[in-house]
Amino acid sequence: MFIATRTKTGKEIQTDSKVAIAELQNCQNSGETTDDVFRAVFGKEQPGQLRCYGRSVTTSSLKEDEETNKLKQKHANEINSLKEEMNEMREEM
């Protein structure tokens, strides 16, 4: 994602971005995971901050969103099963 956002416009890339892109590509070619590569190039995350997500996103807000999505999926599944059950009852009548 970092590479795509820095090279998409076709303009000249800043030197620090060029260095970071080269390091990222070298580490990726060595077979490391993307998270390990990112940490190796940019360092450890600061507490309460997430890179590449914007200013207002925190780890707790990501967890809340994940839990909300799980609950929504659970409720949607429950609604579908209840609708199926109701249709079966109607057919029996």
N, C-alpha and C. Protein backbone atom coordinates (compact mmCIF):
# COMPACT_ATOMS: atom_id res chain seq x y z
N MET A 1 0.83 -1.18 0.00
CA MET A 1 0.00 0.00 0.00
C MET A 1 0.88 1.26 0.00
N PHE A 2 1.92 1.22 0.80
CA PHE A 2 2.83 2.37 0.87
C PHE A 2 3.41 2.67 -0.50
N ILE A 3 3.86 1.64 -1.19
CA ILE A 3 4.48 1.83 -2.51
C ILE A 3 3.44 2.34 -3.50
N ALA A 4 2.24 1.78 -3.47
CA ALA A 4 1.20 2.19 -4.41
C ALA A 4 0.80 3.64 -4.22
N THR A 5 0.73 4.11 -2.98
CA THR A 5 0.32 5.49 -2.74
C THR A 5 1.42 6.49 -3.08
N ARG A 6 2.66 6.05 -3.09
CA ARG A 6 3.76 6.97 -3.39
C ARG A 6 4.11 7.02 -4.87
N THR A 7 3.69 6.05 -5.66
CA THR A 7 4.10 5.99 -7.06
C THR A 7 2.95 6.11 -8.05
N LYS A 8 1.74 6.37 -7.59
CA LYS A 8 0.59 6.33 -8.49
C LYS A 8 0.46 7.55 -9.40
N THR A 9 0.97 8.71 -9.02
CA THR A 9 0.74 9.93 -9.80
C THR A 9 1.72 10.12 -10.94
N GLY A 10 2.82 9.44 -10.92
CA GLY A 10 3.81 9.60 -11.98
C GLY A 10 4.76 10.76 -11.73
N LYS A 11 4.58 11.48 -10.64
CA LYS A 11 5.49 12.58 -10.31
C LYS A 11 6.77 12.01 -9.71
N GLU A 12 7.76 12.88 -9.58
CA GLU A 12 9.02 12.44 -8.99
C GLU A 12 8.81 12.10 -7.52
N ILE A 13 9.42 11.01 -7.10
CA ILE A 13 9.27 10.54 -5.73
C ILE A 13 10.33 11.19 -4.85
N GLN A 14 9.96 11.54 -3.62
CA GLN A 14 10.91 12.13 -2.68
C GLN A 14 11.99 11.10 -2.35
N THR A 15 13.18 11.60 -2.01
CA THR A 15 14.32 10.70 -1.78
C THR A 15 14.09 9.77 -0.60
N ASP A 16 13.48 10.27 0.48
CA ASP A 16 13.24 9.38 1.62
C ASP A 16 12.23 8.29 1.27
N SER A 17 11.28 8.62 0.42
CA SER A 17 10.32 7.61 -0.04
C SER A 17 11.00 6.59 -0.94
N LYS A 18 11.93 7.06 -1.78
CA LYS A 18 12.67 6.13 -2.65
C LYS A 18 13.46 5.12 -1.82
N VAL A 19 14.11 5.62 -0.78
CA VAL A 19 14.90 4.74 0.09
C VAL A 19 13.99 3.73 0.78
N ALA A 20 12.87 4.20 1.31
CA ALA A 20 11.93 3.31 2.00
C ALA A 20 11.37 2.26 1.04
N ILE A 21 11.03 2.66 -0.17
CA ILE A 21 10.50 1.72 -1.17
C ILE A 21 11.54 0.66 -1.51
N ALA A 22 12.79 1.09 -1.68
CA ALA A 22 13.86 0.13 -2.00
C ALA A 22 14.04 -0.87 -0.86
N GLU A 23 14.03 -0.38 0.39
CA GLU A 23 14.18 -1.28 1.54
C GLU A 23 12.99 -2.24 1.64
N LEU A 24 11.78 -1.73 1.40
CA LEU A 24 10.60 -2.59 1.44
C LEU A 24 10.69 -3.70 0.40
N GLN A 25 11.08 -3.34 -0.80
CA GLN A 25 11.17 -4.33 -1.87
C GLN A 25 12.26 -5.37 -1.59
N ASN A 26 13.38 -4.93 -1.04
CA ASN A 26 14.46 -5.87 -0.70
C ASN A 26 14.00 -6.86 0.36
N CYS A 27 13.33 -6.36 1.38
CA CYS A 27 12.86 -7.24 2.46
C CYS A 27 11.76 -8.17 1.97
N GLN A 28 10.87 -7.68 1.10
CA GLN A 28 9.80 -8.53 0.57
C GLN A 28 10.38 -9.66 -0.27
N ASN A 29 11.42 -9.36 -1.03
CA ASN A 29 12.05 -10.39 -1.86
C ASN A 29 12.74 -11.46 -1.03
N SER A 30 13.09 -11.12 0.21
CA SER A 30 13.76 -12.09 1.08
C SER A 30 12.77 -13.07 1.70
N GLY A 31 11.47 -12.85 1.54
CA GLY A 31 10.46 -13.80 2.01
C GLY A 31 9.87 -13.48 3.37
N GLU A 32 10.14 -12.33 3.94
CA GLU A 32 9.56 -11.96 5.23
C GLU A 32 8.09 -11.59 5.05
N THR A 33 7.33 -11.64 6.15
CA THR A 33 5.92 -11.24 6.08
C THR A 33 5.83 -9.73 5.92
N THR A 34 4.71 -9.26 5.42
CA THR A 34 4.56 -7.83 5.16
C THR A 34 4.63 -7.01 6.45
N ASP A 35 4.07 -7.53 7.55
CA ASP A 35 4.14 -6.80 8.82
C ASP A 35 5.57 -6.67 9.31
N ASP A 36 6.33 -7.76 9.20
CA ASP A 36 7.73 -7.73 9.63
C ASP A 36 8.54 -6.76 8.77
N VAL A 37 8.28 -6.77 7.49
CA VAL A 37 8.98 -5.87 6.57
C VAL A 37 8.67 -4.42 6.92
N PHE A 38 7.40 -4.11 7.15
CA PHE A 38 7.01 -2.74 7.46
C PHE A 38 7.66 -2.28 8.76
N ARG A 39 7.66 -3.13 9.78
CA ARG A 39 8.29 -2.78 11.05
C ARG A 39 9.80 -2.58 10.89
N ALA A 40 10.42 -3.40 10.07
CA ALA A 40 11.87 -3.29 9.87
C ALA A 40 12.23 -1.96 9.22
N VAL A 41 11.41 -1.50 8.29
CA VAL A 41 11.72 -0.26 7.57
C VAL A 41 11.30 0.97 8.36
N PHE A 42 10.11 0.96 8.95
CA PHE A 42 9.57 2.17 9.57
C PHE A 42 9.62 2.17 11.09
N GLY A 43 10.01 1.08 11.69
CA GLY A 43 10.10 1.03 13.14
C GLY A 43 8.79 0.59 13.79
N LYS A 44 8.84 0.49 15.11
CA LYS A 44 7.70 0.01 15.89
C LYS A 44 6.59 1.07 15.92
N GLU A 45 5.35 0.61 15.99
CA GLU A 45 4.21 1.53 16.10
C GLU A 45 4.26 2.28 17.43
N GLN A 46 3.82 3.52 17.41
CA GLN A 46 3.71 4.29 18.63
C GLN A 46 2.42 3.92 19.35
N PRO A 47 2.41 3.91 20.67
CA PRO A 47 1.19 3.54 21.39
C PRO A 47 0.03 4.47 21.03
N GLY A 48 -1.11 3.88 20.72
CA GLY A 48 -2.30 4.66 20.42
C GLY A 48 -2.38 5.20 19.01
N GLN A 49 -1.39 4.92 18.18
CA GLN A 49 -1.40 5.41 16.80
C GLN A 49 -1.26 4.24 15.84
N LEU A 50 -1.88 4.38 14.67
CA LEU A 50 -1.76 3.36 13.63
C LEU A 50 -1.34 4.03 12.34
N ARG A 51 -0.33 3.49 11.72
CA ARG A 51 0.13 4.04 10.45
C ARG A 51 -0.80 3.62 9.34
N CYS A 52 -0.92 4.49 8.34
CA CYS A 52 -1.67 4.22 7.11
C CYS A 52 -3.18 4.11 7.32
N TYR A 53 -3.70 4.53 8.45
CA TYR A 53 -5.14 4.50 8.69
C TYR A 53 -5.74 5.89 8.81
N GLY A 54 -4.94 6.92 8.91
CA GLY A 54 -5.45 8.27 9.10
C GLY A 54 -5.27 8.70 10.55
N ARG A 55 -5.70 9.91 10.85
CA ARG A 55 -5.44 10.47 12.17
C ARG A 55 -6.39 9.98 13.26
N SER A 56 -7.63 9.70 12.93
CA SER A 56 -8.62 9.42 13.97
C SER A 56 -8.77 7.95 14.30
N VAL A 57 -8.04 7.06 13.65
CA VAL A 57 -8.18 5.63 13.89
C VAL A 57 -7.19 5.18 14.95
N THR A 58 -7.71 4.46 15.95
CA THR A 58 -6.87 3.90 17.00
C THR A 58 -7.08 2.39 17.04
N THR A 59 -6.24 1.71 17.80
CA THR A 59 -6.38 0.26 17.91
C THR A 59 -7.72 -0.11 18.53
N SER A 60 -8.17 0.67 19.51
CA SER A 60 -9.45 0.35 20.15
C SER A 60 -10.61 0.59 19.19
N SER A 61 -10.53 1.61 18.34
CA SER A 61 -11.63 1.83 17.39
C SER A 61 -11.67 0.73 16.35
N LEU A 62 -10.51 0.19 15.96
CA LEU A 62 -10.49 -0.94 15.03
C LEU A 62 -11.12 -2.18 15.66
N LYS A 63 -10.81 -2.42 16.94
CA LYS A 63 -11.39 -3.56 17.65
C LYS A 63 -12.90 -3.40 17.78
N GLU A 64 -13.35 -2.18 18.08
CA GLU A 64 -14.79 -1.92 18.19
C GLU A 64 -15.48 -2.18 16.85
N ASP A 65 -14.88 -1.72 15.77
CA ASP A 65 -15.46 -1.95 14.44
C ASP A 65 -15.53 -3.44 14.13
N GLU A 66 -14.49 -4.16 14.50
CA GLU A 66 -14.46 -5.61 14.25
C GLU A 66 -15.57 -6.31 15.04
N GLU A 67 -15.73 -5.93 16.31
CA GLU A 67 -16.79 -6.52 17.14
C GLU A 67 -18.17 -6.16 16.61
N THR A 68 -18.34 -4.92 16.17
CA THR A 68 -19.61 -4.49 15.60
C THR A 68 -19.95 -5.29 14.36
N ASN A 69 -18.97 -5.50 13.50
CA ASN A 69 -19.20 -6.28 12.27
C ASN A 69 -19.56 -7.72 12.59
N LYS A 70 -18.91 -8.30 13.61
CA LYS A 70 -19.24 -9.67 14.01
C LYS A 70 -20.68 -9.75 14.50
N LEU A 71 -21.09 -8.78 15.33
CA LEU A 71 -22.47 -8.77 15.83
C LEU A 71 -23.48 -8.59 14.71
N LYS A 72 -23.17 -7.71 13.76
CA LYS A 72 -24.07 -7.51 12.62
C LYS A 72 -24.23 -8.79 11.82
N GLN A 73 -23.13 -9.50 11.60
CA GLN A 73 -23.18 -10.76 10.86
C GLN A 73 -23.98 -11.80 11.63
N LYS A 74 -23.77 -11.86 12.93
CA LYS A 74 -24.51 -12.81 13.77
C LYS A 74 -26.01 -12.52 13.71
N HIS A 75 -26.38 -11.26 13.80
CA HIS A 75 -27.79 -10.88 13.75
C HIS A 75 -28.39 -11.16 12.38
N ALA A 76 -27.64 -10.91 11.33
CA ALA A 76 -28.13 -11.19 9.98
C ALA A 76 -28.37 -12.69 9.79
N ASN A 77 -27.46 -13.51 10.31
CA ASN A 77 -27.65 -14.96 10.23
C ASN A 77 -28.87 -15.40 11.02
N GLU A 78 -29.06 -14.82 12.18
CA GLU A 78 -30.22 -15.16 13.02
C GLU A 78 -31.52 -14.76 12.33
N ILE A 79 -31.54 -13.59 11.72
CA ILE A 79 -32.74 -13.14 11.00
C ILE A 79 -33.05 -14.07 9.85
N ASN A 80 -32.03 -14.47 9.10
CA ASN A 80 -32.24 -15.39 7.98
C ASN A 80 -32.79 -16.73 8.45
N SER A 81 -32.26 -17.25 9.55
CA SER A 81 -32.75 -18.54 10.05
C SER A 81 -34.18 -18.41 10.55
N LEU A 82 -34.52 -17.29 11.17
CA LEU A 82 -35.90 -17.09 11.64
C LEU A 82 -36.86 -16.94 10.46
N LYS A 83 -36.43 -16.28 9.40
CA LYS A 83 -37.27 -16.15 8.21
C LYS A 83 -37.52 -17.52 7.58
N GLU A 84 -36.48 -18.33 7.51
CA GLU A 84 -36.63 -19.68 6.96
C GLU A 84 -37.60 -20.50 7.80
N GLU A 85 -37.46 -20.39 9.10
CA GLU A 85 -38.34 -21.11 10.01
C GLU A 85 -39.79 -20.65 9.84
N MET A 86 -39.98 -19.35 9.69
CA MET A 86 -41.32 -18.80 9.50
C MET A 86 -41.91 -19.28 8.18
N ASN A 87 -41.12 -19.32 7.13
CA ASN A 87 -41.60 -19.81 5.83
C ASN A 87 -41.99 -21.29 5.92
N GLU A 88 -41.22 -22.08 6.65
CA GLU A 88 -41.56 -23.49 6.83
C GLU A 88 -42.89 -23.64 7.56
N MET A 89 -43.10 -22.80 8.57
CA MET A 89 -44.36 -22.86 9.33
C MET A 89 -45.54 -22.47 8.44
N ARG A 90 -45.35 -21.50 7.58
CA ARG A 90 -46.42 -21.08 6.67
C ARG A 90 -46.76 -22.21 5.69
N GLU A 91 -45.74 -22.90 5.22
CA GLU A 91 -45.97 -24.00 4.28
C GLU A 91 -46.73 -25.15 4.94
N GLU A 92 -46.49 -25.37 6.22
CA GLU A 92 -47.18 -26.43 6.94
C GLU A 92 -48.66 -26.12 7.14
N MET A 93 -49.00 -24.86 7.20
CA MET A 93 -50.40 -24.47 7.42
C MET A 93 -51.14 -24.70 6.17
